Amino acid sequence: MIPWIKLDTAGIPGSDAELRLMRRGAEFAIMLGSNELMNSRLSGSEAALATLAIRKIETVEKPHLLIGGLGMGFTLNAALAVLGAGARITVAELVPAVVAWARGPMAEIFGGSLNDPRVSIREIDVTDVIRSHPRTFDAILLDVDNGPEGLTRKANDALYDSAGLKAAHAALRPGGVLAVWSSGPNPPFAKRLRGAGFDVNEVAVRATGRGSGARHVIWIAAKQ
């Protein structure tokens, strides 16, 4: 058995918690304490976050997407694979080290996605982007923390409470969609989405994308 090797650590702004970038052979993981937040072998549900959302806005000629959370780039890569040359993607990543890992030890996973002319990477809290850009985005894709139940940072709850969801609604253009990834179901969150003015569809997706692995949840919430 190949042992895990710790490559780097990074503090999370606004939290005492620390992320660890781990490697075992060709496999990478991002850990928080004993919790594995991401693994390079499990990309299915993160990719589905993009493809399911983009399917809802496929008639938009030059869509502008906001991705909250760079992670291991699976959502970004999936979006780039199906979007045309006229699309724009803004990625908001709170932890600068995650961007550095993407350009450094995990560069092979990301391919050329960070240098794609359609992509803009901002080292900023996605909450700030949402609140300062009304009627700007055709889709907002959130893979922040562990979903609506915060794990890494208490301030992330502000994305998923009623006020945060209303801000996301305001940041979307007419017909826009909010897509949210979660490690599991959360009925109160689905209720808050509807209360914020969204038409909600909840989709269960396997972690691997191939009918195996943990069941994750993606909410596809269309602006009414």
C-alpha atoms as a PDB file:
ATOM      1  CA  MET A   1       0.000   0.000   0.000  1.00  0.00           C
ATOM      2  CA  ILE A   2       1.442   3.359  -1.051  1.00  0.00           C
ATOM      3  CA  PRO A   3       1.383   5.764   1.928  1.00  0.00           C
ATOM      4  CA  TRP A   4      -0.177   9.213   1.859  1.00  0.00           C
ATOM      5  CA  ILE A   5       2.322  12.090   1.756  1.00  0.00           C
ATOM      6  CA  LYS A   6       1.452  15.585   2.988  1.00  0.00           C
ATOM      7  CA  LEU A   7       2.461  18.111   0.325  1.00  0.00           C
ATOM      8  CA  ASP A   8       1.248  21.341   1.883  1.00  0.00           C
ATOM      9  CA  THR A   9      -1.098  22.970   4.380  1.00  0.00           C
ATOM     10  CA  ALA A  10      -3.222  26.114   4.136  1.00  0.00           C
ATOM     11  CA  GLY A  11      -5.229  28.155   6.596  1.00  0.00           C
ATOM     12  CA  ILE A  12      -8.828  29.027   5.776  1.00  0.00           C
ATOM     13  CA  PRO A  13      -9.582  32.766   6.045  1.00  0.00           C
ATOM     14  CA  GLY A  14     -12.044  33.452   8.849  1.00  0.00           C
ATOM     15  CA  SER A  15     -11.442  30.066  10.464  1.00  0.00           C
ATOM     16  CA  ASP A  16      -8.936  28.301  12.685  1.00  0.00           C
ATOM     17  CA  ALA A  17      -9.170  25.225  10.471  1.00  0.00           C
ATOM     18  CA  GLU A  18      -6.403  24.041   8.157  1.00  0.00           C
ATOM     19  CA  LEU A  19      -6.538  22.283   4.814  1.00  0.00           C
ATOM     20  CA  ARG A  20      -3.986  19.602   3.939  1.00  0.00           C
ATOM     21  CA  LEU A  21      -3.026  18.623   0.416  1.00  0.00           C
ATOM     22  CA  MET A  22      -2.196  14.912   0.357  1.00  0.00           C
ATOM     23  CA  ARG A  23      -0.775  12.671  -2.369  1.00  0.00           C
ATOM     24  CA  ARG A  24      -0.607   8.901  -2.759  1.00  0.00           C
ATOM     25  CA  GLY A  25       0.984   7.918  -6.056  1.00  0.00           C
ATOM     26  CA  ALA A  26      -1.097   9.678  -8.717  1.00  0.00           C
ATOM     27  CA  GLU A  27      -4.027  10.258  -6.324  1.00  0.00           C
ATOM     28  CA  PHE A  28      -4.616  13.565  -4.536  1.00  0.00           C
ATOM     29  CA  ALA A  29      -6.859  14.446  -1.604  1.00  0.00           C
ATOM     30  CA  ILE A  30      -7.689  17.657   0.224  1.00  0.00           C
ATOM     31  CA  MET A  31      -8.304  16.980   3.894  1.00  0.00           C
ATOM     32  CA  LEU A  32      -9.799  18.914   6.790  1.00  0.00           C
ATOM     33  CA  GLY A  33      -8.988  17.131  10.029  1.00  0.00           C
ATOM     34  CA  SER A  34     -10.145  13.550   9.500  1.00  0.00           C
ATOM     35  CA  ASN A  35     -12.573  14.573   6.736  1.00  0.00           C
ATOM     36  CA  GLU A  36     -11.656  14.092   3.092  1.00  0.00           C
ATOM     37  CA  LEU A  37     -13.193  17.072   1.299  1.00  0.00           C
ATOM     38  CA  MET A  38     -12.059  16.121  -2.201  1.00  0.00           C
ATOM     39  CA  ASN A  39     -10.351  13.232  -3.936  1.00  0.00           C
ATOM     40  CA  SER A  40      -8.987  13.169  -7.458  1.00  0.00           C
ATOM     41  CA  ARG A  41     -10.581   9.748  -8.090  1.00  0.00           C
ATOM     42  CA  LEU A  42     -14.096  11.037  -7.306  1.00  0.00           C
ATOM     43  CA  SER A  43     -15.122  13.669  -9.818  1.00  0.00           C
ATOM     44  CA  GLY A  44     -18.569  12.577 -10.978  1.00  0.00           C
ATOM     45  CA  SER A  45     -20.855  14.711  -8.851  1.00  0.00           C
ATOM     46  CA  GLU A  46     -18.666  17.837  -9.177  1.00  0.00           C
ATOM     47  CA  ALA A  47     -18.749  17.473 -12.969  1.00  0.00           C
ATOM     48  CA  ALA A  48     -22.527  16.939 -12.870  1.00  0.00           C
ATOM     49  CA  LEU A  49     -22.885  20.239 -11.003  1.00  0.00           C
ATOM     50  CA  ALA A  50     -21.759  21.947 -14.206  1.00  0.00           C
ATOM     51  CA  THR A  51     -23.447  19.806 -16.820  1.00  0.00           C
ATOM     52  CA  LEU A  52     -26.856  19.796 -15.124  1.00  0.00           C
ATOM     53  CA  ALA A  53     -26.812  23.568 -14.669  1.00  0.00           C
ATOM     54  CA  ILE A  54     -25.622  24.334 -18.203  1.00  0.00           C
ATOM     55  CA  ARG A  55     -28.352  22.144 -19.644  1.00  0.00           C
ATOM     56  CA  LYS A  56     -30.837  24.635 -18.156  1.00  0.00           C
ATOM     57  CA  ILE A  57     -29.263  27.626 -19.945  1.00  0.00           C
ATOM     58  CA  GLU A  58     -28.214  25.963 -23.193  1.00  0.00           C
ATOM     59  CA  THR A  59     -30.195  28.481 -25.273  1.00  0.00           C
ATOM     60  CA  VAL A  60     -28.168  31.426 -23.912  1.00  0.00           C
ATOM     61  CA  GLU A  61     -25.751  32.463 -26.643  1.00  0.00           C
ATOM     62  CA  LYS A  62     -22.896  33.832 -24.510  1.00  0.00           C
ATOM     63  CA  PRO A  63     -23.522  32.712 -20.924  1.00  0.00           C
ATOM     64  CA  HIS A  64     -21.651  34.077 -17.913  1.00  0.00           C
ATOM     65  CA  LEU A  65     -21.128  31.541 -15.114  1.00  0.00           C
ATOM     66  CA  LEU A  66     -19.924  32.023 -11.556  1.00  0.00           C
ATOM     67  CA  ILE A  67     -18.316  29.020  -9.855  1.00  0.00           C
ATOM     68  CA  GLY A  68     -17.917  29.215  -6.094  1.00  0.00           C
ATOM     69  CA  GLY A  69     -15.013  27.001  -5.061  1.00  0.00           C
ATOM     70  CA  LEU A  70     -12.186  25.889  -7.365  1.00  0.00           C
ATOM     71  CA  GLY A  71     -11.533  22.587  -5.594  1.00  0.00           C
ATOM     72  CA  MET A  72      -9.783  20.162  -7.926  1.00  0.00           C
ATOM     73  CA  GLY A  73     -11.248  21.824 -11.016  1.00  0.00           C
ATOM     74  CA  PHE A  74     -13.745  19.116 -11.942  1.00  0.00           C
ATOM     75  CA  THR A  75     -16.686  21.537 -12.153  1.00  0.00           C
ATOM     76  CA  LEU A  76     -14.623  24.043 -14.142  1.00  0.00           C
ATOM     77  CA  ASN A  77     -13.324  21.404 -16.571  1.00  0.00           C
ATOM     78  CA  ALA A  78     -16.809  20.004 -17.126  1.00  0.00           C
ATOM     79  CA  ALA A  79     -18.181  23.473 -17.834  1.00  0.00           C
ATOM     80  CA  LEU A  80     -15.426  24.285 -20.317  1.00  0.00           C
ATOM     81  CA  ALA A  81     -16.032  21.020 -22.140  1.00  0.00           C
ATOM     82  CA  VAL A  82     -19.632  21.907 -23.020  1.00  0.00           C
ATOM     83  CA  LEU A  83     -19.556  25.700 -23.319  1.00  0.00           C
ATOM     84  CA  GLY A  84     -18.810  27.585 -26.508  1.00  0.00           C
ATOM     85  CA  ALA A  85     -16.097  30.123 -27.201  1.00  0.00           C
ATOM     86  CA  GLY A  86     -18.328  33.047 -26.246  1.00  0.00           C
ATOM     87  CA  ALA A  87     -18.926  31.874 -22.671  1.00  0.00           C
ATOM     88  CA  ARG A  88     -17.331  33.450 -19.604  1.00  0.00           C
ATOM     89  CA  ILE A  89     -16.574  31.711 -16.318  1.00  0.00           C
ATOM     90  CA  THR A  90     -15.633  33.536 -13.138  1.00  0.00           C
ATOM     91  CA  VAL A  91     -14.209  31.260 -10.437  1.00  0.00           C
ATOM     92  CA  ALA A  92     -14.178  32.593  -6.866  1.00  0.00           C
ATOM     93  CA  GLU A  93     -11.803  30.734  -4.541  1.00  0.00           C
ATOM     94  CA  LEU A  94     -11.368  31.897  -0.948  1.00  0.00           C
ATOM     95  CA  VAL A  95      -8.119  30.046  -0.169  1.00  0.00           C
ATOM     96  CA  PRO A  96      -5.173  31.309  -2.259  1.00  0.00           C
ATOM     97  CA  ALA A  97      -3.233  28.087  -1.658  1.00  0.00           C
ATOM     98  CA  VAL A  98      -5.910  26.094  -3.492  1.00  0.00           C
ATOM     99  CA  VAL A  99      -5.185  28.153  -6.611  1.00  0.00           C
ATOM    100  CA  ALA A 100      -1.442  27.628  -6.083  1.00  0.00           C
ATOM    101  CA  TRP A 101      -1.993  23.855  -5.768  1.00  0.00           C
ATOM    102  CA  ALA A 102      -3.942  23.918  -9.025  1.00  0.00           C
ATOM    103  CA  ARG A 103      -1.043  25.589 -10.812  1.00  0.00           C
ATOM    104  CA  GLY A 104       1.568  23.479  -9.016  1.00  0.00           C
ATOM    105  CA  PRO A 105       1.297  19.860  -7.819  1.00  0.00           C
ATOM    106  CA  MET A 106      -2.176  19.298  -9.303  1.00  0.00           C
ATOM    107  CA  ALA A 107      -1.488  21.001 -12.638  1.00  0.00           C
ATOM    108  CA  GLU A 108      -1.910  17.726 -14.538  1.00  0.00           C
ATOM    109  CA  ILE A 109      -5.464  17.335 -13.195  1.00  0.00           C
ATOM    110  CA  PHE A 110      -6.392  20.860 -14.249  1.00  0.00           C
ATOM    111  CA  GLY A 111      -4.835  20.593 -17.702  1.00  0.00           C
ATOM    112  CA  GLY A 112      -4.991  24.007 -19.330  1.00  0.00           C
ATOM    113  CA  SER A 113      -8.274  25.084 -17.747  1.00  0.00           C
ATOM    114  CA  LEU A 114      -6.827  27.923 -15.660  1.00  0.00           C
ATOM    115  CA  ASN A 115      -5.293  29.464 -18.786  1.00  0.00           C
ATOM    116  CA  ASP A 116      -8.423  29.137 -20.903  1.00  0.00           C
ATOM    117  CA  PRO A 117      -9.356  32.631 -22.203  1.00  0.00           C
ATOM    118  CA  ARG A 118     -12.931  32.078 -21.038  1.00  0.00           C
ATOM    119  CA  VAL A 119     -11.822  31.745 -17.396  1.00  0.00           C
ATOM    120  CA  SER A 120     -11.160  34.390 -14.758  1.00  0.00           C
ATOM    121  CA  ILE A 121      -9.840  33.240 -11.356  1.00  0.00           C
ATOM    122  CA  ARG A 122     -10.514  35.520  -8.375  1.00  0.00           C
ATOM    123  CA  GLU A 123      -9.134  34.875  -4.896  1.00  0.00           C
ATOM    124  CA  ILE A 124     -12.195  36.154  -3.079  1.00  0.00           C
ATOM    125  CA  ASP A 125     -15.195  35.002  -1.071  1.00  0.00           C
ATOM    126  CA  VAL A 126     -17.914  34.044  -3.560  1.00  0.00           C
ATOM    127  CA  THR A 127     -20.451  35.666  -1.220  1.00  0.00           C
ATOM    128  CA  ASP A 128     -18.899  39.052  -1.952  1.00  0.00           C
ATOM    129  CA  VAL A 129     -19.071  38.444  -5.705  1.00  0.00           C
ATOM    130  CA  ILE A 130     -22.729  37.469  -5.524  1.00  0.00           C
ATOM    131  CA  ARG A 131     -23.746  40.471  -3.440  1.00  0.00           C
ATOM    132  CA  SER A 132     -21.902  42.986  -5.636  1.00  0.00           C
ATOM    133  CA  HIS A 133     -23.090  41.770  -9.050  1.00  0.00           C
ATOM    134  CA  PRO A 134     -26.877  42.035  -9.458  1.00  0.00           C
ATOM    135  CA  ARG A 135     -28.410  40.539 -12.638  1.00  0.00           C
ATOM    136  CA  THR A 136     -24.970  39.479 -13.883  1.00  0.00           C
ATOM    137  CA  PHE A 137     -24.808  35.682 -14.127  1.00  0.00           C
ATOM    138  CA  ASP A 138     -26.726  33.122 -16.135  1.00  0.00           C
ATOM    139  CA  ALA A 139     -25.667  30.382 -13.718  1.00  0.00           C
ATOM    140  CA  ILE A 140     -24.151  30.291 -10.247  1.00  0.00           C
ATOM    141  CA  LEU A 141     -22.546  26.968  -9.275  1.00  0.00           C
ATOM    142  CA  LEU A 142     -21.739  26.501  -5.597  1.00  0.00           C
ATOM    143  CA  ASP A 143     -19.456  23.754  -4.339  1.00  0.00           C
ATOM    144  CA  VAL A 144     -18.484  25.515  -1.148  1.00  0.00           C
ATOM    145  CA  ASP A 145     -17.804  23.659   2.083  1.00  0.00           C
ATOM    146  CA  ASN A 146     -19.753  20.405   2.533  1.00  0.00           C
ATOM    147  CA  GLY A 147     -22.965  21.868   1.170  1.00  0.00           C
ATOM    148  CA  PRO A 148     -25.586  23.808   3.145  1.00  0.00           C
ATOM    149  CA  GLU A 149     -24.310  22.286   6.385  1.00  0.00           C
ATOM    150  CA  GLY A 150     -21.055  24.211   6.948  1.00  0.00           C
ATOM    151  CA  LEU A 151     -17.978  22.194   7.865  1.00  0.00           C
ATOM    152  CA  THR A 152     -14.873  24.230   7.087  1.00  0.00           C
ATOM    153  CA  ARG A 153     -16.009  27.762   7.921  1.00  0.00           C
ATOM    154  CA  LYS A 154     -19.014  29.081   9.851  1.00  0.00           C
ATOM    155  CA  ALA A 155     -19.265  32.144   7.595  1.00  0.00           C
ATOM    156  CA  ASN A 156     -20.195  29.859   4.691  1.00  0.00           C
ATOM    157  CA  ASP A 157     -23.639  29.510   6.250  1.00  0.00           C
ATOM    158  CA  ALA A 158     -24.377  32.990   4.868  1.00  0.00           C
ATOM    159  CA  LEU A 159     -24.382  31.521   1.360  1.00  0.00           C
ATOM    160  CA  TYR A 160     -27.130  29.084   2.183  1.00  0.00           C
ATOM    161  CA  ASP A 161     -29.445  30.964   4.534  1.00  0.00           C
ATOM    162  CA  SER A 162     -32.516  32.820   3.276  1.00  0.00           C
ATOM    163  CA  ALA A 163     -30.700  36.131   2.824  1.00  0.00           C
ATOM    164  CA  GLY A 164     -27.860  34.444   0.930  1.00  0.00           C
ATOM    165  CA  LEU A 165     -30.241  32.662  -1.403  1.00  0.00           C
ATOM    166  CA  LYS A 166     -32.142  35.876  -2.112  1.00  0.00           C
ATOM    167  CA  ALA A 167     -28.807  37.530  -2.961  1.00  0.00           C
ATOM    168  CA  ALA A 168     -28.054  34.694  -5.381  1.00  0.00           C
ATOM    169  CA  HIS A 169     -31.498  35.116  -6.914  1.00  0.00           C
ATOM    170  CA  ALA A 170     -30.781  38.828  -7.418  1.00  0.00           C
ATOM    171  CA  ALA A 171     -27.366  38.110  -8.984  1.00  0.00           C
ATOM    172  CA  LEU A 172     -28.920  35.920 -11.685  1.00  0.00           C
ATOM    173  CA  ARG A 173     -30.241  37.195 -14.969  1.00  0.00           C
ATOM    174  CA  PRO A 174     -33.827  36.311 -15.933  1.00  0.00           C
ATOM    175  CA  GLY A 175     -34.020  32.571 -16.546  1.00  0.00           C
ATOM    176  CA  GLY A 176     -30.784  31.971 -14.644  1.00  0.00           C
ATOM    177  CA  VAL A 177     -30.045  28.947 -12.503  1.00  0.00           C
ATOM    178  CA  LEU A 178     -28.447  28.356  -9.117  1.00  0.00           C
ATOM    179  CA  ALA A 179     -26.819  24.918  -8.775  1.00  0.00           C
ATOM    180  CA  VAL A 180     -25.677  23.728  -5.348  1.00  0.00           C
ATOM    181  CA  TRP A 181     -23.579  20.650  -4.491  1.00  0.00           C
ATOM    182  CA  SER A 182     -24.024  18.835  -1.180  1.00  0.00           C
ATOM    183  CA  SER A 183     -22.677  15.682   0.415  1.00  0.00           C
ATOM    184  CA  GLY A 184     -26.250  14.685   1.300  1.00  0.00           C
ATOM    185  CA  PRO A 185     -29.941  15.671   1.331  1.00  0.00           C
ATOM    186  CA  ASN A 186     -31.180  18.671   3.273  1.00  0.00           C
ATOM    187  CA  PRO A 187     -34.980  19.216   3.178  1.00  0.00           C
ATOM    188  CA  PRO A 188     -34.874  22.555   5.072  1.00  0.00           C
ATOM    189  CA  PHE A 189     -32.459  23.915   2.465  1.00  0.00           C
ATOM    190  CA  ALA A 190     -34.734  22.893  -0.397  1.00  0.00           C
ATOM    191  CA  LYS A 191     -37.548  24.730   1.378  1.00  0.00           C
ATOM    192  CA  ARG A 192     -35.394  27.866   1.698  1.00  0.00           C
ATOM    193  CA  LEU A 193     -34.618  27.724  -2.020  1.00  0.00           C
ATOM    194  CA  ARG A 194     -38.317  27.767  -2.847  1.00  0.00           C
ATOM    195  CA  GLY A 195     -38.881  30.571  -0.359  1.00  0.00           C
ATOM    196  CA  ALA A 196     -36.207  32.635  -2.138  1.00  0.00           C
ATOM    197  CA  GLY A 197     -38.099  32.417  -5.436  1.00  0.00           C
ATOM    198  CA  PHE A 198     -36.581  29.362  -7.115  1.00  0.00           C
ATOM    199  CA  ASP A 199     -38.202  26.439  -8.902  1.00  0.00           C
ATOM    200  CA  VAL A 200     -36.251  23.524  -7.405  1.00  0.00           C
ATOM    201  CA  ASN A 201     -35.200  20.133  -8.722  1.00  0.00           C
ATOM    202  CA  GLU A 202     -33.154  17.847  -6.443  1.00  0.00           C
ATOM    203  CA  VAL A 203     -30.888  15.335  -8.183  1.00  0.00           C
ATOM    204  CA  ALA A 204     -29.005  12.431  -6.563  1.00  0.00           C
ATOM    205  CA  VAL A 205     -25.618  11.796  -8.186  1.00  0.00           C
ATOM    206  CA  ARG A 206     -23.004   9.164  -7.424  1.00  0.00           C
ATOM    207  CA  ALA A 207     -19.568  10.434  -6.423  1.00  0.00           C
ATOM    208  CA  THR A 208     -17.828   8.568  -9.228  1.00  0.00           C
ATOM    209  CA  GLY A 209     -20.435   9.411 -11.855  1.00  0.00           C
ATOM    210  CA  ARG A 210     -20.488   5.728 -12.856  1.00  0.00           C
ATOM    211  CA  GLY A 211     -23.196   4.312 -10.615  1.00  0.00           C
ATOM    212  CA  SER A 212     -20.938   3.716  -7.635  1.00  0.00           C
ATOM    213  CA  GLY A 213     -19.599   5.621  -4.666  1.00  0.00           C
ATOM    214  CA  ALA A 214     -21.400   7.834  -2.169  1.00  0.00           C
ATOM    215  CA  ARG A 215     -24.663   9.507  -3.121  1.00  0.00           C
ATOM    216  CA  HIS A 216     -24.343  13.262  -3.333  1.00  0.00           C
ATOM    217  CA  VAL A 217     -27.108  15.794  -3.967  1.00  0.00           C
ATOM    218  CA  ILE A 218     -27.296  18.634  -6.470  1.00  0.00           C
ATOM    219  CA  TRP A 219     -30.060  21.207  -6.356  1.00  0.00           C
ATOM    220  CA  ILE A 220     -30.889  22.830  -9.675  1.00  0.00           C
ATOM    221  CA  ALA A 221     -32.818  25.963  -8.768  1.00  0.00           C
ATOM    222  CA  ALA A 222     -34.221  28.015 -11.637  1.00  0.00           C
ATOM    223  CA  LYS A 223     -34.989  31.691 -11.096  1.00  0.00           C
ATOM    224  CA  GLN A 224     -38.725  32.300 -11.336  1.00  0.00           C
END
